[in-house]
Amino acid sequence: MGQENLGQDLEALREDVTKLRSDLSQLAKSLLDKGKIETDTAKDRVMEELMSNLRSARDKSNETVETVEHKIQEKPLMSLLIAFLVGLVLGKLFERR
């Protein structure tokens, strides 16, 4: 009778280990799926923020270009003189010796 109980206990233990292995596998799969969802959500959030910043930078650069164009139209001779002087200074800075 002792052997029979031992055999039953071992069989129950095997079944428990098999069930535990199955449960752990399901848990790992669930965690992996949740991690993928979290990663996709974070990626989407970062992409939206990046696109928003890109649009903002583009709008700001367009405003700056328009402002410069307006200033050039208001004072074309002064703008020409400033451009000439900037070119002269840059030429001297990058001049090879």
PDB file of N, CA and C in Angstrom:
ATOM      1  N   MET A   1       0.826  -1.191   0.000  1.00  0.00           N
ATOM      2  CA  MET A   1       0.000   0.000   0.000  1.00  0.00           C
ATOM      3  C   MET A   1       0.869   1.252   0.000  1.00  0.00           C
ATOM      4  N   GLY A   2       2.021   1.241   0.644  1.00  0.00           N
ATOM      5  CA  GLY A   2       2.934   2.371   0.678  1.00  0.00           C
ATOM      6  C   GLY A   2       3.448   2.707  -0.708  1.00  0.00           C
ATOM      7  N   GLN A   3       3.750   1.635  -1.481  1.00  0.00           N
ATOM      8  CA  GLN A   3       4.233   1.844  -2.849  1.00  0.00           C
ATOM      9  C   GLN A   3       3.152   2.455  -3.715  1.00  0.00           C
ATOM     10  N   GLU A   4       1.929   2.016  -3.511  1.00  0.00           N
ATOM     11  CA  GLU A   4       0.805   2.507  -4.317  1.00  0.00           C
ATOM     12  C   GLU A   4       0.580   4.001  -4.051  1.00  0.00           C
ATOM     13  N   ASN A   5       0.633   4.403  -2.767  1.00  0.00           N
ATOM     14  CA  ASN A   5       0.476   5.826  -2.415  1.00  0.00           C
ATOM     15  C   ASN A   5       1.622   6.658  -2.985  1.00  0.00           C
ATOM     16  N   LEU A   6       2.841   6.085  -2.926  1.00  0.00           N
ATOM     17  CA  LEU A   6       3.998   6.788  -3.459  1.00  0.00           C
ATOM     18  C   LEU A   6       3.846   6.988  -4.969  1.00  0.00           C
ATOM     19  N   GLY A   7       3.379   5.967  -5.643  1.00  0.00           N
ATOM     20  CA  GLY A   7       3.157   6.053  -7.097  1.00  0.00           C
ATOM     21  C   GLY A   7       2.115   7.110  -7.423  1.00  0.00           C
ATOM     22  N   GLN A   8       1.030   7.144  -6.644  1.00  0.00           N
ATOM     23  CA  GLN A   8      -0.025   8.143  -6.867  1.00  0.00           C
ATOM     24  C   GLN A   8       0.499   9.552  -6.597  1.00  0.00           C
ATOM     25  N   ASP A   9       1.291   9.680  -5.530  1.00  0.00           N
ATOM     26  CA  ASP A   9       1.863  10.988  -5.200  1.00  0.00           C
ATOM     27  C   ASP A   9       2.794  11.474  -6.307  1.00  0.00           C
ATOM     28  N   LEU A  10       3.603  10.555  -6.812  1.00  0.00           N
ATOM     29  CA  LEU A  10       4.513  10.929  -7.906  1.00  0.00           C
ATOM     30  C   LEU A  10       3.740  11.344  -9.157  1.00  0.00           C
ATOM     31  N   GLU A  11       2.703  10.622  -9.448  1.00  0.00           N
ATOM     32  CA  GLU A  11       1.886  10.954 -10.628  1.00  0.00           C
ATOM     33  C   GLU A  11       1.209  12.312 -10.439  1.00  0.00           C
ATOM     34  N   ALA A  12       0.706  12.575  -9.233  1.00  0.00           N
ATOM     35  CA  ALA A  12       0.077  13.874  -8.948  1.00  0.00           C
ATOM     36  C   ALA A  12       1.114  14.991  -9.055  1.00  0.00           C
ATOM     37  N   LEU A  13       2.331  14.699  -8.571  1.00  0.00           N
ATOM     38  CA  LEU A  13       3.415  15.679  -8.661  1.00  0.00           C
ATOM     39  C   LEU A  13       3.761  15.965 -10.124  1.00  0.00           C
ATOM     40  N   ARG A  14       3.824  14.952 -10.940  1.00  0.00           N
ATOM     41  CA  ARG A  14       4.093  15.135 -12.381  1.00  0.00           C
ATOM     42  C   ARG A  14       3.010  15.997 -13.025  1.00  0.00           C
ATOM     43  N   GLU A  15       1.773  15.715 -12.691  1.00  0.00           N
ATOM     44  CA  GLU A  15       0.663  16.497 -13.247  1.00  0.00           C
ATOM     45  C   GLU A  15       0.760  17.955 -12.810  1.00  0.00           C
ATOM     46  N   ASP A  16       1.095  18.172 -11.535  1.00  0.00           N
ATOM     47  CA  ASP A  16       1.244  19.534 -11.018  1.00  0.00           C
ATOM     48  C   ASP A  16       2.377  20.279 -11.725  1.00  0.00           C
ATOM     49  N   VAL A  17       3.495  19.584 -11.930  1.00  0.00           N
ATOM     50  CA  VAL A  17       4.636  20.206 -12.620  1.00  0.00           C
ATOM     51  C   VAL A  17       4.249  20.537 -14.064  1.00  0.00           C
ATOM     52  N   THR A  18       3.547  19.637 -14.725  1.00  0.00           N
ATOM     53  CA  THR A  18       3.103  19.885 -16.099  1.00  0.00           C
ATOM     54  C   THR A  18       2.162  21.080 -16.147  1.00  0.00           C
ATOM     55  N   LYS A  19       1.238  21.166 -15.207  1.00  0.00           N
ATOM     56  CA  LYS A  19       0.310  22.299 -15.159  1.00  0.00           C
ATOM     57  C   LYS A  19       1.059  23.592 -14.855  1.00  0.00           C
ATOM     58  N   LEU A  20       2.009  23.520 -13.931  1.00  0.00           N
ATOM     59  CA  LEU A  20       2.811  24.694 -13.587  1.00  0.00           C
ATOM     60  C   LEU A  20       3.596  25.175 -14.804  1.00  0.00           C
ATOM     61  N   ARG A  21       4.183  24.246 -15.540  1.00  0.00           N
ATOM     62  CA  ARG A  21       4.926  24.593 -16.752  1.00  0.00           C
ATOM     63  C   ARG A  21       4.001  25.278 -17.768  1.00  0.00           C
ATOM     64  N   SER A  22       2.810  24.754 -17.905  1.00  0.00           N
ATOM     65  CA  SER A  22       1.831  25.344 -18.823  1.00  0.00           C
ATOM     66  C   SER A  22       1.413  26.746 -18.365  1.00  0.00           C
ATOM     67  N   ASP A  23       1.185  26.888 -17.067  1.00  0.00           N
ATOM     68  CA  ASP A  23       0.799  28.193 -16.519  1.00  0.00           C
ATOM     69  C   ASP A  23       1.913  29.225 -16.711  1.00  0.00           C
ATOM     70  N   LEU A  24       3.159  28.805 -16.464  1.00  0.00           N
ATOM     71  CA  LEU A  24       4.286  29.713 -16.642  1.00  0.00           C
ATOM     72  C   LEU A  24       4.441  30.125 -18.101  1.00  0.00           C
ATOM     73  N   SER A  25       4.205  29.187 -18.990  1.00  0.00           N
ATOM     74  CA  SER A  25       4.285  29.486 -20.426  1.00  0.00           C
ATOM     75  C   SER A  25       3.220  30.512 -20.817  1.00  0.00           C
ATOM     76  N   GLN A  26       2.023  30.334 -20.308  1.00  0.00           N
ATOM     77  CA  GLN A  26       0.933  31.282 -20.585  1.00  0.00           C
ATOM     78  C   GLN A  26       1.245  32.659 -19.996  1.00  0.00           C
ATOM     79  N   LEU A  27       1.810  32.680 -18.795  1.00  0.00           N
ATOM     80  CA  LEU A  27       2.166  33.934 -18.144  1.00  0.00           C
ATOM     81  C   LEU A  27       3.231  34.679 -18.951  1.00  0.00           C
ATOM     82  N   ALA A  28       4.238  33.932 -19.398  1.00  0.00           N
ATOM     83  CA  ALA A  28       5.299  34.547 -20.210  1.00  0.00           C
ATOM     84  C   ALA A  28       4.717  35.109 -21.500  1.00  0.00           C
ATOM     85  N   LYS A  29       3.817  34.366 -22.132  1.00  0.00           N
ATOM     86  CA  LYS A  29       3.184  34.841 -23.376  1.00  0.00           C
ATOM     87  C   LYS A  29       2.356  36.095 -23.109  1.00  0.00           C
ATOM     88  N   SER A  30       1.626  36.117 -22.026  1.00  0.00           N
ATOM     89  CA  SER A  30       0.817  37.287 -21.674  1.00  0.00           C
ATOM     90  C   SER A  30       1.696  38.501 -21.414  1.00  0.00           C
ATOM     91  N   LEU A  31       2.791  38.308 -20.686  1.00  0.00           N
ATOM     92  CA  LEU A  31       3.708  39.414 -20.407  1.00  0.00           C
ATOM     93  C   LEU A  31       4.349  39.929 -21.693  1.00  0.00           C
ATOM     94  N   LEU A  32       4.705  39.032 -22.583  1.00  0.00           N
ATOM     95  CA  LEU A  32       5.287  39.425 -23.858  1.00  0.00           C
ATOM     96  C   LEU A  32       4.286  40.238 -24.685  1.00  0.00           C
ATOM     97  N   ASP A  33       3.043  39.781 -24.729  1.00  0.00           N
ATOM     98  CA  ASP A  33       2.009  40.515 -25.467  1.00  0.00           C
ATOM     99  C   ASP A  33       1.781  41.893 -24.868  1.00  0.00           C
ATOM    100  N   LYS A  34       1.720  41.962 -23.545  1.00  0.00           N
ATOM    101  CA  LYS A  34       1.518  43.252 -22.873  1.00  0.00           C
ATOM    102  C   LYS A  34       2.697  44.180 -23.142  1.00  0.00           C
ATOM    103  N   GLY A  35       3.908  43.646 -23.097  1.00  0.00           N
ATOM    104  CA  GLY A  35       5.096  44.453 -23.389  1.00  0.00           C
ATOM    105  C   GLY A  35       5.069  44.989 -24.808  1.00  0.00           C
ATOM    106  N   LYS A  36       4.623  44.181 -25.747  1.00  0.00           N
ATOM    107  CA  LYS A  36       4.530  44.618 -27.141  1.00  0.00           C
ATOM    108  C   LYS A  36       3.517  45.749 -27.281  1.00  0.00           C
ATOM    109  N   ILE A  37       2.393  45.614 -26.608  1.00  0.00           N
ATOM    110  CA  ILE A  37       1.366  46.654 -26.655  1.00  0.00           C
ATOM    111  C   ILE A  37       1.904  47.949 -26.047  1.00  0.00           C
ATOM    112  N   GLU A  38       2.573  47.840 -24.901  1.00  0.00           N
ATOM    113  CA  GLU A  38       3.144  49.023 -24.243  1.00  0.00           C
ATOM    114  C   GLU A  38       4.186  49.685 -25.147  1.00  0.00           C
ATOM    115  N   THR A  39       5.022  48.886 -25.783  1.00  0.00           N
ATOM    116  CA  THR A  39       6.054  49.419 -26.679  1.00  0.00           C
ATOM    117  C   THR A  39       5.420  50.128 -27.867  1.00  0.00           C
ATOM    118  N   ASP A  40       4.407  49.520 -28.453  1.00  0.00           N
ATOM    119  CA  ASP A  40       3.725  50.151 -29.588  1.00  0.00           C
ATOM    120  C   ASP A  40       3.077  51.468 -29.170  1.00  0.00           C
ATOM    121  N   THR A  41       2.482  51.494 -27.995  1.00  0.00           N
ATOM    122  CA  THR A  41       1.845  52.716 -27.501  1.00  0.00           C
ATOM    123  C   THR A  41       2.887  53.814 -27.289  1.00  0.00           C
ATOM    124  N   ALA A  42       4.006  53.454 -26.682  1.00  0.00           N
ATOM    125  CA  ALA A  42       5.073  54.440 -26.450  1.00  0.00           C
ATOM    126  C   ALA A  42       5.636  54.937 -27.773  1.00  0.00           C
ATOM    127  N   LYS A  43       5.808  54.041 -28.732  1.00  0.00           N
ATOM    128  CA  LYS A  43       6.323  54.422 -30.047  1.00  0.00           C
ATOM    129  C   LYS A  43       5.363  55.401 -30.729  1.00  0.00           C
ATOM    130  N   ASP A  44       4.079  55.109 -30.673  1.00  0.00           N
ATOM    131  CA  ASP A  44       3.090  56.007 -31.277  1.00  0.00           C
ATOM    132  C   ASP A  44       3.114  57.376 -30.606  1.00  0.00           C
ATOM    133  N   ARG A  45       3.231  57.404 -29.301  1.00  0.00           N
ATOM    134  CA  ARG A  45       3.265  58.663 -28.563  1.00  0.00           C
ATOM    135  C   ARG A  45       4.499  59.487 -28.943  1.00  0.00           C
ATOM    136  N   VAL A  46       5.650  58.824 -29.040  1.00  0.00           N
ATOM    137  CA  VAL A  46       6.886  59.517 -29.418  1.00  0.00           C
ATOM    138  C   VAL A  46       6.785  60.034 -30.851  1.00  0.00           C
ATOM    139  N   MET A  47       6.238  59.235 -31.751  1.00  0.00           N
ATOM    140  CA  MET A  47       6.098  59.674 -33.145  1.00  0.00           C
ATOM    141  C   MET A  47       5.167  60.880 -33.255  1.00  0.00           C
ATOM    142  N   GLU A  48       4.069  60.878 -32.497  1.00  0.00           N
ATOM    143  CA  GLU A  48       3.155  62.017 -32.519  1.00  0.00           C
ATOM    144  C   GLU A  48       3.846  63.280 -32.012  1.00  0.00           C
ATOM    145  N   GLU A  49       4.613  63.142 -30.933  1.00  0.00           N
ATOM    146  CA  GLU A  49       5.332  64.291 -30.375  1.00  0.00           C
ATOM    147  C   GLU A  49       6.392  64.786 -31.351  1.00  0.00           C
ATOM    148  N   LEU A  50       7.084  63.869 -31.995  1.00  0.00           N
ATOM    149  CA  LEU A  50       8.104  64.231 -32.974  1.00  0.00           C
ATOM    150  C   LEU A  50       7.491  64.969 -34.154  1.00  0.00           C
ATOM    151  N   MET A  51       6.379  64.474 -34.647  1.00  0.00           N
ATOM    152  CA  MET A  51       5.706  65.132 -35.779  1.00  0.00           C
ATOM    153  C   MET A  51       5.206  66.508 -35.368  1.00  0.00           C
ATOM    154  N   SER A  52       4.706  66.637 -34.163  1.00  0.00           N
ATOM    155  CA  SER A  52       4.237  67.926 -33.669  1.00  0.00           C
ATOM    156  C   SER A  52       5.397  68.916 -33.588  1.00  0.00           C
ATOM    157  N   ASN A  53       6.533  68.468 -33.051  1.00  0.00           N
ATOM    158  CA  ASN A  53       7.712  69.337 -32.969  1.00  0.00           C
ATOM    159  C   ASN A  53       8.229  69.706 -34.345  1.00  0.00           C
ATOM    160  N   LEU A  54       8.162  68.769 -35.279  1.00  0.00           N
ATOM    161  CA  LEU A  54       8.599  69.040 -36.649  1.00  0.00           C
ATOM    162  C   LEU A  54       7.707  70.092 -37.304  1.00  0.00           C
ATOM    163  N   ARG A  55       6.395  69.960 -37.122  1.00  0.00           N
ATOM    164  CA  ARG A  55       5.473  70.966 -37.671  1.00  0.00           C
ATOM    165  C   ARG A  55       5.724  72.333 -37.048  1.00  0.00           C
ATOM    166  N   SER A  56       5.950  72.343 -35.746  1.00  0.00           N
ATOM    167  CA  SER A  56       6.222  73.598 -35.042  1.00  0.00           C
ATOM    168  C   SER A  56       7.503  74.250 -35.556  1.00  0.00           C
ATOM    169  N   ALA A  57       8.555  73.458 -35.738  1.00  0.00           N
ATOM    170  CA  ALA A  57       9.827  73.986 -36.252  1.00  0.00           C
ATOM    171  C   ALA A  57       9.658  74.502 -37.679  1.00  0.00           C
ATOM    172  N   ARG A  58       8.899  73.791 -38.492  1.00  0.00           N
ATOM    173  CA  ARG A  58       8.666  74.232 -39.868  1.00  0.00           C
ATOM    174  C   ARG A  58       7.897  75.546 -39.886  1.00  0.00           C
ATOM    175  N   ASP A  59       6.880  75.655 -39.049  1.00  0.00           N
ATOM    176  CA  ASP A  59       6.105  76.905 -38.980  1.00  0.00           C
ATOM    177  C   ASP A  59       6.981  78.059 -38.523  1.00  0.00           C
ATOM    178  N   LYS A  60       7.820  77.813 -37.525  1.00  0.00           N
ATOM    179  CA  LYS A  60       8.709  78.850 -37.003  1.00  0.00           C
ATOM    180  C   LYS A  60       9.716  79.283 -38.070  1.00  0.00           C
ATOM    181  N   SER A  61      10.258  78.330 -38.815  1.00  0.00           N
ATOM    182  CA  SER A  61      11.220  78.686 -39.864  1.00  0.00           C
ATOM    183  C   SER A  61      10.540  79.463 -40.986  1.00  0.00           C
ATOM    184  N   ASN A  62       9.304  79.107 -41.311  1.00  0.00           N
ATOM    185  CA  ASN A  62       8.565  79.861 -42.332  1.00  0.00           C
ATOM    186  C   ASN A  62       8.324  81.297 -41.875  1.00  0.00           C
ATOM    187  N   GLU A  63       7.983  81.465 -40.600  1.00  0.00           N
ATOM    188  CA  GLU A  63       7.782  82.815 -40.055  1.00  0.00           C
ATOM    189  C   GLU A  63       9.079  83.622 -40.123  1.00  0.00           C
ATOM    190  N   THR A  64      10.188  82.982 -39.800  1.00  0.00           N
ATOM    191  CA  THR A  64      11.484  83.663 -39.824  1.00  0.00           C
ATOM    192  C   THR A  64      11.841  84.085 -41.243  1.00  0.00           C
ATOM    193  N   VAL A  65      11.628  83.205 -42.204  1.00  0.00           N
ATOM    194  CA  VAL A  65      11.909  83.540 -43.606  1.00  0.00           C
ATOM    195  C   VAL A  65      11.038  84.711 -44.049  1.00  0.00           C
ATOM    196  N   GLU A  66       9.775  84.684 -43.693  1.00  0.00           N
ATOM    197  CA  GLU A  66       8.879  85.779 -44.066  1.00  0.00           C
ATOM    198  C   GLU A  66       9.326  87.096 -43.429  1.00  0.00           C
ATOM    199  N   THR A  67       9.762  87.035 -42.176  1.00  0.00           N
ATOM    200  CA  THR A  67      10.233  88.244 -41.491  1.00  0.00           C
ATOM    201  C   THR A  67      11.470  88.803 -42.182  1.00  0.00           C
ATOM    202  N   VAL A  68      12.408  87.935 -42.528  1.00  0.00           N
ATOM    203  CA  VAL A  68      13.631  88.380 -43.213  1.00  0.00           C
ATOM    204  C   VAL A  68      13.282  88.967 -44.582  1.00  0.00           C
ATOM    205  N   GLU A  69      12.401  88.305 -45.303  1.00  0.00           N
ATOM    206  CA  GLU A  69      11.989  88.832 -46.617  1.00  0.00           C
ATOM    207  C   GLU A  69      11.357  90.217 -46.474  1.00  0.00           C
ATOM    208  N   HIS A  70      10.533  90.390 -45.470  1.00  0.00           N
ATOM    209  CA  HIS A  70       9.873  91.674 -45.238  1.00  0.00           C
ATOM    210  C   HIS A  70      10.907  92.753 -44.926  1.00  0.00           C
ATOM    211  N   LYS A  71      11.884  92.420 -44.072  1.00  0.00           N
ATOM    212  CA  LYS A  71      12.931  93.393 -43.722  1.00  0.00           C
ATOM    213  C   LYS A  71      13.751  93.757 -44.953  1.00  0.00           C
ATOM    214  N   ILE A  72      14.049  92.775 -45.803  1.00  0.00           N
ATOM    215  CA  ILE A  72      14.812  93.052 -47.029  1.00  0.00           C
ATOM    216  C   ILE A  72      14.021  93.971 -47.953  1.00  0.00           C
ATOM    217  N   GLN A  73      12.724  93.737 -48.047  1.00  0.00           N
ATOM    218  CA  GLN A  73      11.883  94.583 -48.908  1.00  0.00           C
ATOM    219  C   GLN A  73      11.787  96.001 -48.356  1.00  0.00           C
ATOM    220  N   GLU A  74      11.771  96.134 -47.042  1.00  0.00           N
ATOM    221  CA  GLU A  74      11.689  97.459 -46.435  1.00  0.00           C
ATOM    222  C   GLU A  74      12.969  98.260 -46.666  1.00  0.00           C
ATOM    223  N   LYS A  75      14.122  97.602 -46.522  1.00  0.00           N
ATOM    224  CA  LYS A  75      15.411  98.293 -46.624  1.00  0.00           C
ATOM    225  C   LYS A  75      16.357  97.473 -47.505  1.00  0.00           C
ATOM    226  N   PRO A  76      16.167  97.517 -48.825  1.00  0.00           N
ATOM    227  CA  PRO A  76      16.992  96.684 -49.704  1.00  0.00           C
ATOM    228  C   PRO A  76      18.473  97.090 -49.717  1.00  0.00           C
ATOM    229  N   LEU A  77      18.788  98.379 -49.683  1.00  0.00           N
ATOM    230  CA  LEU A  77      20.189  98.794 -49.719  1.00  0.00           C
ATOM    231  C   LEU A  77      20.917  98.410 -48.437  1.00  0.00           C
ATOM    232  N   MET A  78      20.272  98.591 -47.317  1.00  0.00           N
ATOM    233  CA  MET A  78      20.867  98.206 -46.031  1.00  0.00           C
ATOM    234  C   MET A  78      21.092  96.692 -46.005  1.00  0.00           C
ATOM    235  N   SER A  79      20.135  95.926 -46.509  1.00  0.00           N
ATOM    236  CA  SER A  79      20.257  94.469 -46.547  1.00  0.00           C
ATOM    237  C   SER A  79      21.420  94.057 -47.435  1.00  0.00           C
ATOM    238  N   LEU A  80      21.572  94.722 -48.577  1.00  0.00           N
ATOM    239  CA  LEU A  80      22.669  94.423 -49.492  1.00  0.00           C
ATOM    240  C   LEU A  80      24.015  94.719 -48.825  1.00  0.00           C
ATOM    241  N   LEU A  81      24.097  95.855 -48.139  1.00  0.00           N
ATOM    242  CA  LEU A  81      25.321  96.222 -47.445  1.00  0.00           C
ATOM    243  C   LEU A  81      25.658  95.212 -46.344  1.00  0.00           C
ATOM    244  N   ILE A  82      24.671  94.817 -45.579  1.00  0.00           N
ATOM    245  CA  ILE A  82      24.888  93.832 -44.510  1.00  0.00           C
ATOM    246  C   ILE A  82      25.346  92.502 -45.103  1.00  0.00           C
ATOM    247  N   ALA A  83      24.703  92.046 -46.187  1.00  0.00           N
ATOM    248  CA  ALA A  83      25.085  90.795 -46.829  1.00  0.00           C
ATOM    249  C   ALA A  83      26.521  90.872 -47.336  1.00  0.00           C
ATOM    250  N   PHE A  84      26.898  92.013 -47.916  1.00  0.00           N
ATOM    251  CA  PHE A  84      28.257  92.197 -48.413  1.00  0.00           C
ATOM    252  C   PHE A  84      29.268  92.109 -47.270  1.00  0.00           C
ATOM    253  N   LEU A  85      28.966  92.801 -46.164  1.00  0.00           N
ATOM    254  CA  LEU A  85      29.886  92.804 -45.031  1.00  0.00           C
ATOM    255  C   LEU A  85      30.003  91.406 -44.401  1.00  0.00           C
ATOM    256  N   VAL A  86      28.907  90.718 -44.291  1.00  0.00           N
ATOM    257  CA  VAL A  86      28.939  89.355 -43.748  1.00  0.00           C
ATOM    258  C   VAL A  86      29.780  88.461 -44.657  1.00  0.00           C
ATOM    259  N   GLY A  87      29.600  88.591 -45.961  1.00  0.00           N
ATOM    260  CA  GLY A  87      30.399  87.820 -46.916  1.00  0.00           C
ATOM    261  C   GLY A  87      31.866  88.139 -46.790  1.00  0.00           C
ATOM    262  N   LEU A  88      32.187  89.408 -46.613  1.00  0.00           N
ATOM    263  CA  LEU A  88      33.571  89.830 -46.464  1.00  0.00           C
ATOM    264  C   LEU A  88      34.197  89.217 -45.194  1.00  0.00           C
ATOM    265  N   VAL A  89      33.475  89.308 -44.105  1.00  0.00           N
ATOM    266  CA  VAL A  89      33.969  88.748 -42.840  1.00  0.00           C
ATOM    267  C   VAL A  89      34.146  87.235 -42.950  1.00  0.00           C
ATOM    268  N   LEU A  90      33.173  86.553 -43.514  1.00  0.00           N
ATOM    269  CA  LEU A  90      33.283  85.099 -43.664  1.00  0.00           C
ATOM    270  C   LEU A  90      34.431  84.734 -44.595  1.00  0.00           C
ATOM    271  N   GLY A  91      34.614  85.508 -45.641  1.00  0.00           N
ATOM    272  CA  GLY A  91      35.724  85.267 -46.546  1.00  0.00           C
ATOM    273  C   GLY A  91      37.054  85.375 -45.834  1.00  0.00           C
ATOM    274  N   LYS A  92      37.206  86.369 -44.974  1.00  0.00           N
ATOM    275  CA  LYS A  92      38.449  86.539 -44.221  1.00  0.00           C
ATOM    276  C   LYS A  92      38.638  85.387 -43.206  1.00  0.00           C
ATOM    277  N   LEU A  93      37.549  84.958 -42.587  1.00  0.00           N
ATOM    278  CA  LEU A  93      37.657  83.880 -41.607  1.00  0.00           C
ATOM    279  C   LEU A  93      38.073  82.552 -42.224  1.00  0.00           C
ATOM    280  N   PHE A  94      37.580  82.277 -43.414  1.00  0.00           N
ATOM    281  CA  PHE A  94      37.851  80.990 -44.066  1.00  0.00           C
ATOM    282  C   PHE A  94      38.962  81.061 -45.092  1.00  0.00           C
ATOM    283  N   GLU A  95      39.623  82.163 -45.165  1.00  0.00           N
ATOM    284  CA  GLU A  95      40.717  82.350 -46.128  1.00  0.00           C
ATOM    285  C   GLU A  95      41.881  81.439 -45.770  1.00  0.00           C
ATOM    286  N   ARG A  96      42.415  80.784 -46.777  1.00  0.00           N
ATOM    287  CA  ARG A  96      43.588  79.906 -46.552  1.00  0.00           C
ATOM    288  C   ARG A  96      44.845  80.752 -46.558  1.00  0.00           C
ATOM    289  N   ARG A  97      45.748  80.382 -45.735  1.00  0.00           N
ATOM    290  CA  ARG A  97      47.003  81.153 -45.667  1.00  0.00           C
ATOM    291  C   ARG A  97      48.116  80.367 -46.285  1.00  0.00           C
TER     292      ARG A  97
END
